[in-house]
Structures are given as structure tokens and as C-alpha cells.
Amino acid sequence: GIHGLLPENTIINQVTSSGCPSSFSIKQGNISHLRRACDFANSLVFAAISKIIPEVVIIANKDNHQAMDWDNTVRQLKSMGVKKVILVGPVPQWYPSLPLVYANKAFGKDILTSHKIDINVIKTNIEMNRISLTIPDLIYIDVINQLCKKDGNIYSCKVIYDDVLLVWDYGHLTKEGAMHVASEYVLPQILN
């Protein structure tokens, strides 16, 4: 989403790893194949960042943000010469999926009010808001509280952007959803 919003001469490097936490703490010893694969992916990211030395690093995870050592990650990135570290918080995640919940509860409306939002992602967001206050060089973007309002245990979230759902499954942004999050929440932090 962000690439189309920046000037044409802006260089963007993107590294994506499926289901891996963002961590520069490489584990050793008897660990799972998935963990080794994630450690390898993260070591490639670390090597690329230390070679390129980008001005801004944007990190996004599916969930469980609070399990990462953000203080260490930010310190390492800053020591390499990175000027800004932006962590995009989780987007609302719906179970079994946003299209199914939307069709059953809010078809034809822009706002979905439902208890079918993943409460673990909500808890992650609450914890990350707390953690981010303790790390001055970390810019945390709270996407959930930008898109949703809470009333008791029920969340009302804007889920339609440009006539398309925010996410196409339980929590992966559609192109329109990505453009909205990038333009409204991420771009202002890059340009600030």
C-alpha cells in the first residue's frame, strides 16, 4: 500500500516471511524447523538492513507483538543508522473470516458491530500500546483503535473502504484496506 503513496524516486525494500516473528535475537540449539527458518529469514533481514541502512524501517506482524524484544530490536536498528522504526500494530482479525461475519451481520453497511473479533489480537494491541510508551524511539501505529470503537465487549469497526472489505479473510488486508492503512496511519509517520 505504501509504495504508491511515496515519490517515484523513493526506494523501498521489502522482506516478507510467512508467520515469522520480527526478531534479531537468533536462537541456537535444538529448535524446530520453523524456528530455524524464521531465524534464517530474520538474519537475512538484519544483513540487508545493515548493508542498505534505510532511513525508515517499518515492521508489521500478524499477532503476538508483545512477545518480541522491541527495545533490543530498536536499539540495534538505531545503532545501524536507521532514523525511524515504525511498528504497525495488528489489524482487526475476524473469526472465522471477515467476509463470513460481514455477510451474516452487516451486509451493505460500512461498520460491522460484532463479538467475532479475535480478542487475542485486541489484547496484543492493548499490551503494545503500553510497551511502546517505554521505548522512546519506537513509533507504534495503533490500527485497531483507529478502525474500531469499543462498547463493552463489542467492537464496531469500519470494514468497507472503496466499496471493498478491509480484509479478504480473517485478517489479511485487501489492496483497498492496505491503501487506507498506509495512507491514513503509516504515511503520516514516515513523513513526520
C-alpha atoms as a PDB file:
ATOM      1  CA  GLY A   1       0.000   0.000   0.000  1.00  0.00           C
ATOM      2  CA  ILE A   2       2.754   2.481   0.858  1.00  0.00           C
ATOM      3  CA  HIS A   3       4.722   2.281  -2.407  1.00  0.00           C
ATOM      4  CA  GLY A   4       2.122   4.121  -4.481  1.00  0.00           C
ATOM      5  CA  LEU A   5       1.927   6.943  -1.944  1.00  0.00           C
ATOM      6  CA  LEU A   6       5.599   7.936  -1.908  1.00  0.00           C
ATOM      7  CA  PRO A   7       7.515   9.938  -4.521  1.00  0.00           C
ATOM      8  CA  GLU A   8       8.595   7.874  -7.554  1.00  0.00           C
ATOM      9  CA  ASN A   9      12.285   8.090  -6.678  1.00  0.00           C
ATOM     10  CA  THR A  10      11.716   6.523  -3.242  1.00  0.00           C
ATOM     11  CA  ILE A  11      13.483   3.193  -2.908  1.00  0.00           C
ATOM     12  CA  ILE A  12      11.560   0.558  -0.976  1.00  0.00           C
ATOM     13  CA  ASN A  13      12.997  -2.777   0.070  1.00  0.00           C
ATOM     14  CA  GLN A  14      10.562  -5.344   1.428  1.00  0.00           C
ATOM     15  CA  VAL A  15      11.232  -8.654   3.104  1.00  0.00           C
ATOM     16  CA  THR A  16       8.325 -10.899   3.971  1.00  0.00           C
ATOM     17  CA  SER A  17       8.342 -14.167   5.868  1.00  0.00           C
ATOM     18  CA  SER A  18       5.210 -16.146   6.457  1.00  0.00           C
ATOM     19  CA  GLY A  19       4.269 -16.442  10.109  1.00  0.00           C
ATOM     20  CA  CYS A  20       7.668 -15.429  11.482  1.00  0.00           C
ATOM     21  CA  PRO A  21       8.068 -13.016  14.368  1.00  0.00           C
ATOM     22  CA  SER A  22      10.279  -9.983  13.727  1.00  0.00           C
ATOM     23  CA  SER A  23      13.309 -10.607  15.898  1.00  0.00           C
ATOM     24  CA  PHE A  24      17.032 -10.019  15.762  1.00  0.00           C
ATOM     25  CA  SER A  25      17.552 -12.454  18.623  1.00  0.00           C
ATOM     26  CA  ILE A  26      18.697 -15.525  16.713  1.00  0.00           C
ATOM     27  CA  LYS A  27      18.100 -18.741  18.640  1.00  0.00           C
ATOM     28  CA  GLN A  28      20.614 -21.569  18.740  1.00  0.00           C
ATOM     29  CA  GLY A  29      20.426 -25.206  19.767  1.00  0.00           C
ATOM     30  CA  ASN A  30      17.650 -27.773  19.474  1.00  0.00           C
ATOM     31  CA  ILE A  31      14.789 -25.828  17.929  1.00  0.00           C
ATOM     32  CA  SER A  32      12.027 -26.531  15.447  1.00  0.00           C
ATOM     33  CA  HIS A  33      12.425 -26.350  11.668  1.00  0.00           C
ATOM     34  CA  LEU A  34      10.006 -23.400  11.605  1.00  0.00           C
ATOM     35  CA  ARG A  35      12.032 -21.514  14.209  1.00  0.00           C
ATOM     36  CA  ARG A  36      15.259 -22.151  12.269  1.00  0.00           C
ATOM     37  CA  ALA A  37      13.572 -20.945   9.077  1.00  0.00           C
ATOM     38  CA  CYS A  38      12.369 -17.805  10.857  1.00  0.00           C
ATOM     39  CA  ASP A  39      15.806 -17.186  12.346  1.00  0.00           C
ATOM     40  CA  PHE A  40      17.305 -17.540   8.855  1.00  0.00           C
ATOM     41  CA  ALA A  41      14.740 -15.115   7.366  1.00  0.00           C
ATOM     42  CA  ASN A  42      15.374 -12.623  10.157  1.00  0.00           C
ATOM     43  CA  SER A  43      19.155 -12.914   9.700  1.00  0.00           C
ATOM     44  CA  LEU A  44      18.673 -12.039   6.006  1.00  0.00           C
ATOM     45  CA  VAL A  45      16.626  -9.007   7.016  1.00  0.00           C
ATOM     46  CA  PHE A  46      19.282  -7.945   9.523  1.00  0.00           C
ATOM     47  CA  ALA A  47      22.040  -8.317   6.901  1.00  0.00           C
ATOM     48  CA  ALA A  48      20.044  -6.358   4.311  1.00  0.00           C
ATOM     49  CA  ILE A  49      19.280  -3.528   6.739  1.00  0.00           C
ATOM     50  CA  SER A  50      22.909  -3.288   7.870  1.00  0.00           C
ATOM     51  CA  LYS A  51      24.021  -3.107   4.213  1.00  0.00           C
ATOM     52  CA  ILE A  52      21.336  -0.720   2.929  1.00  0.00           C
ATOM     53  CA  ILE A  53      20.935   1.401   6.099  1.00  0.00           C
ATOM     54  CA  PRO A  54      17.450   2.662   5.294  1.00  0.00           C
ATOM     55  CA  GLU A  55      16.152   5.856   6.860  1.00  0.00           C
ATOM     56  CA  VAL A  56      12.920   4.158   7.920  1.00  0.00           C
ATOM     57  CA  VAL A  57      12.165   0.560   8.878  1.00  0.00           C
ATOM     58  CA  ILE A  58       8.507  -0.452   9.019  1.00  0.00           C
ATOM     59  CA  ILE A  59       7.659  -3.690  10.802  1.00  0.00           C
ATOM     60  CA  ALA A  60       4.315  -5.471  10.715  1.00  0.00           C
ATOM     61  CA  ASN A  61       3.360  -8.784  12.334  1.00  0.00           C
ATOM     62  CA  LYS A  62       0.161 -10.789  12.300  1.00  0.00           C
ATOM     63  CA  ASP A  63      -0.055 -11.069  16.085  1.00  0.00           C
ATOM     64  CA  ASN A  64       1.824 -11.710  19.319  1.00  0.00           C
ATOM     65  CA  HIS A  65       3.752  -8.437  19.005  1.00  0.00           C
ATOM     66  CA  GLN A  66       4.219  -8.288  22.775  1.00  0.00           C
ATOM     67  CA  ALA A  67       6.430 -11.416  22.740  1.00  0.00           C
ATOM     68  CA  MET A  68       9.195  -9.623  20.820  1.00  0.00           C
ATOM     69  CA  ASP A  69      12.099  -7.755  22.379  1.00  0.00           C
ATOM     70  CA  TRP A  70      11.281  -4.389  20.818  1.00  0.00           C
ATOM     71  CA  ASP A  71      13.728  -2.443  22.963  1.00  0.00           C
ATOM     72  CA  ASN A  72      16.644  -4.566  21.682  1.00  0.00           C
ATOM     73  CA  THR A  73      15.326  -4.511  18.109  1.00  0.00           C
ATOM     74  CA  VAL A  74      15.004  -0.719  18.096  1.00  0.00           C
ATOM     75  CA  ARG A  75      18.438  -0.270  19.692  1.00  0.00           C
ATOM     76  CA  GLN A  76      20.050  -2.500  17.046  1.00  0.00           C
ATOM     77  CA  LEU A  77      18.309  -0.737  14.189  1.00  0.00           C
ATOM     78  CA  LYS A  78      19.229   2.700  15.516  1.00  0.00           C
ATOM     79  CA  SER A  79      22.853   1.623  16.044  1.00  0.00           C
ATOM     80  CA  MET A  80      22.988   0.696  12.323  1.00  0.00           C
ATOM     81  CA  GLY A  81      21.913   4.213  11.365  1.00  0.00           C
ATOM     82  CA  VAL A  82      18.162   3.742  10.913  1.00  0.00           C
ATOM     83  CA  LYS A  83      16.448   7.044  11.760  1.00  0.00           C
ATOM     84  CA  LYS A  84      12.868   5.810  12.321  1.00  0.00           C
ATOM     85  CA  VAL A  85      11.484   2.478  13.472  1.00  0.00           C
ATOM     86  CA  ILE A  86       7.753   2.134  12.865  1.00  0.00           C
ATOM     87  CA  LEU A  87       5.790  -0.821  14.180  1.00  0.00           C
ATOM     88  CA  VAL A  88       2.361  -1.236  12.623  1.00  0.00           C
ATOM     89  CA  GLY A  89       0.056  -2.840  15.165  1.00  0.00           C
ATOM     90  CA  PRO A  90      -2.292  -5.653  14.270  1.00  0.00           C
ATOM     91  CA  VAL A  91      -5.359  -5.065  12.156  1.00  0.00           C
ATOM     92  CA  PRO A  92      -8.697  -6.356  13.439  1.00  0.00           C
ATOM     93  CA  GLN A  93      -8.921 -10.086  12.824  1.00  0.00           C
ATOM     94  CA  TRP A  94     -12.223 -11.870  12.480  1.00  0.00           C
ATOM     95  CA  TYR A  95     -13.202 -15.482  13.039  1.00  0.00           C
ATOM     96  CA  PRO A  96     -13.956 -17.457  11.108  1.00  0.00           C
ATOM     97  CA  SER A  97     -13.411 -14.686   8.497  1.00  0.00           C
ATOM     98  CA  LEU A  98     -14.487 -11.111   7.871  1.00  0.00           C
ATOM     99  CA  PRO A  99     -16.403 -11.962   4.664  1.00  0.00           C
ATOM    100  CA  LEU A 100     -18.464 -14.578   6.514  1.00  0.00           C
ATOM    101  CA  VAL A 101     -19.122 -12.409   9.581  1.00  0.00           C
ATOM    102  CA  TYR A 102     -19.925  -9.411   7.369  1.00  0.00           C
ATOM    103  CA  ALA A 103     -22.370 -11.395   5.214  1.00  0.00           C
ATOM    104  CA  ASN A 104     -24.183 -12.643   8.316  1.00  0.00           C
ATOM    105  CA  LYS A 105     -24.153  -9.445  10.409  1.00  0.00           C
ATOM    106  CA  ALA A 106     -23.635  -6.263   8.385  1.00  0.00           C
ATOM    107  CA  PHE A 107     -24.083  -6.814   4.664  1.00  0.00           C
ATOM    108  CA  GLY A 108     -24.488  -3.446   2.923  1.00  0.00           C
ATOM    109  CA  LYS A 109     -23.067  -1.394   5.823  1.00  0.00           C
ATOM    110  CA  ASP A 110     -19.637   0.194   6.307  1.00  0.00           C
ATOM    111  CA  ILE A 111     -19.496  -0.551  10.050  1.00  0.00           C
ATOM    112  CA  LEU A 112     -19.506  -4.049  11.487  1.00  0.00           C
ATOM    113  CA  THR A 113     -20.569  -4.475  15.104  1.00  0.00           C
ATOM    114  CA  SER A 114     -19.721  -7.949  16.300  1.00  0.00           C
ATOM    115  CA  HIS A 115     -18.220 -10.046  19.052  1.00  0.00           C
ATOM    116  CA  LYS A 116     -16.483 -12.173  16.362  1.00  0.00           C
ATOM    117  CA  ILE A 117     -13.311 -10.077  16.514  1.00  0.00           C
ATOM    118  CA  ASP A 118     -10.247 -12.010  17.729  1.00  0.00           C
ATOM    119  CA  ILE A 119      -9.868 -10.936  21.369  1.00  0.00           C
ATOM    120  CA  ASN A 120      -6.243 -12.138  21.488  1.00  0.00           C
ATOM    121  CA  VAL A 121      -5.326  -9.564  18.855  1.00  0.00           C
ATOM    122  CA  ILE A 122      -7.156  -6.920  20.902  1.00  0.00           C
ATOM    123  CA  LYS A 123      -5.132  -7.935  23.974  1.00  0.00           C
ATOM    124  CA  THR A 124      -1.922  -7.757  21.928  1.00  0.00           C
ATOM    125  CA  ASN A 125      -2.809  -4.233  20.836  1.00  0.00           C
ATOM    126  CA  ILE A 126      -3.533  -3.114  24.407  1.00  0.00           C
ATOM    127  CA  GLU A 127      -0.205  -4.547  25.586  1.00  0.00           C
ATOM    128  CA  MET A 128       1.708  -2.989  22.683  1.00  0.00           C
ATOM    129  CA  ASN A 129       0.274   0.427  23.469  1.00  0.00           C
ATOM    130  CA  ARG A 130       1.687   0.008  26.992  1.00  0.00           C
ATOM    131  CA  ILE A 131       5.077  -1.365  25.840  1.00  0.00           C
ATOM    132  CA  SER A 132       5.554   1.284  23.157  1.00  0.00           C
ATOM    133  CA  LEU A 133       5.347   4.019  25.779  1.00  0.00           C
ATOM    134  CA  THR A 134       8.517   2.610  27.380  1.00  0.00           C
ATOM    135  CA  ILE A 135      10.564   2.671  24.141  1.00  0.00           C
ATOM    136  CA  PRO A 136      11.013   6.294  23.050  1.00  0.00           C
ATOM    137  CA  ASP A 137      12.461   5.514  19.599  1.00  0.00           C
ATOM    138  CA  LEU A 138       9.631   3.150  18.621  1.00  0.00           C
ATOM    139  CA  ILE A 139       6.715   4.630  16.692  1.00  0.00           C
ATOM    140  CA  TYR A 140       3.709   2.382  17.318  1.00  0.00           C
ATOM    141  CA  ILE A 141       0.727   2.683  14.995  1.00  0.00           C
ATOM    142  CA  ASP A 142      -2.428   1.507  16.722  1.00  0.00           C
ATOM    143  CA  VAL A 143      -4.518   0.407  13.740  1.00  0.00           C
ATOM    144  CA  ILE A 144      -7.260  -1.276  15.767  1.00  0.00           C
ATOM    145  CA  ASN A 145      -8.203   1.833  17.734  1.00  0.00           C
ATOM    146  CA  GLN A 146      -8.173   3.851  14.510  1.00  0.00           C
ATOM    147  CA  LEU A 147     -10.663   1.488  12.865  1.00  0.00           C
ATOM    148  CA  CYS A 148     -12.738   0.296  15.828  1.00  0.00           C
ATOM    149  CA  LYS A 149     -14.679   1.645  18.771  1.00  0.00           C
ATOM    150  CA  LYS A 150     -15.394  -0.477  21.836  1.00  0.00           C
ATOM    151  CA  ASP A 151     -18.692  -0.617  23.699  1.00  0.00           C
ATOM    152  CA  GLY A 152     -18.478  -3.184  26.496  1.00  0.00           C
ATOM    153  CA  ASN A 153     -17.290  -6.418  24.883  1.00  0.00           C
ATOM    154  CA  ILE A 154     -18.492  -5.442  21.432  1.00  0.00           C
ATOM    155  CA  TYR A 155     -16.347  -3.747  18.801  1.00  0.00           C
ATOM    156  CA  SER A 156     -17.710  -1.619  15.974  1.00  0.00           C
ATOM    157  CA  CYS A 157     -15.199  -1.436  13.150  1.00  0.00           C
ATOM    158  CA  LYS A 158     -15.201   0.276   9.783  1.00  0.00           C
ATOM    159  CA  VAL A 159     -14.696  -2.621   7.402  1.00  0.00           C
ATOM    160  CA  ILE A 160     -15.514  -1.178   3.963  1.00  0.00           C
ATOM    161  CA  TYR A 161     -13.064   1.020   2.021  1.00  0.00           C
ATOM    162  CA  ASP A 162     -13.734   2.000  -1.591  1.00  0.00           C
ATOM    163  CA  ASP A 163     -16.643  -0.484  -1.628  1.00  0.00           C
ATOM    164  CA  VAL A 164     -14.321  -3.389  -0.693  1.00  0.00           C
ATOM    165  CA  LEU A 165     -13.832  -5.229   2.601  1.00  0.00           C
ATOM    166  CA  LEU A 166     -10.829  -4.200   4.721  1.00  0.00           C
ATOM    167  CA  VAL A 167      -9.515  -7.784   4.791  1.00  0.00           C
ATOM    168  CA  TRP A 168     -10.181 -10.669   2.421  1.00  0.00           C
ATOM    169  CA  ASP A 169     -10.049 -13.477   5.013  1.00  0.00           C
ATOM    170  CA  TYR A 170      -9.607 -13.381   8.790  1.00  0.00           C
ATOM    171  CA  GLY A 171      -7.024 -10.567   8.756  1.00  0.00           C
ATOM    172  CA  HIS A 172      -5.017 -10.094   5.531  1.00  0.00           C
ATOM    173  CA  LEU A 173      -5.604  -6.617   4.116  1.00  0.00           C
ATOM    174  CA  THR A 174      -7.178  -6.213   0.705  1.00  0.00           C
ATOM    175  CA  LYS A 175      -5.497  -3.759  -1.668  1.00  0.00           C
ATOM    176  CA  GLU A 176      -8.060  -1.133  -0.637  1.00  0.00           C
ATOM    177  CA  GLY A 177      -7.554  -1.921   3.046  1.00  0.00           C
ATOM    178  CA  ALA A 178      -3.779  -1.683   2.659  1.00  0.00           C
ATOM    179  CA  MET A 179      -4.086   1.657   0.858  1.00  0.00           C
ATOM    180  CA  HIS A 180      -6.300   3.018   3.636  1.00  0.00           C
ATOM    181  CA  VAL A 181      -3.980   1.874   6.458  1.00  0.00           C
ATOM    182  CA  ALA A 182      -0.896   3.093   4.567  1.00  0.00           C
ATOM    183  CA  SER A 183      -2.272   6.496   3.590  1.00  0.00           C
ATOM    184  CA  GLU A 184      -4.079   7.325   6.831  1.00  0.00           C
ATOM    185  CA  TYR A 185      -1.800   5.868   9.511  1.00  0.00           C
ATOM    186  CA  VAL A 186       1.641   4.858   8.157  1.00  0.00           C
ATOM    187  CA  LEU A 187       2.461   7.615   5.648  1.00  0.00           C
ATOM    188  CA  PRO A 188       1.996  10.463   8.172  1.00  0.00           C
ATOM    189  CA  GLN A 189       4.530   8.751  10.468  1.00  0.00           C
ATOM    190  CA  ILE A 190       7.037   8.341   7.632  1.00  0.00           C
ATOM    191  CA  LEU A 191       6.722  11.968   6.575  1.00  0.00           C
ATOM    192  CA  ASN A 192       6.622  13.407  10.110  1.00  0.00           C
END
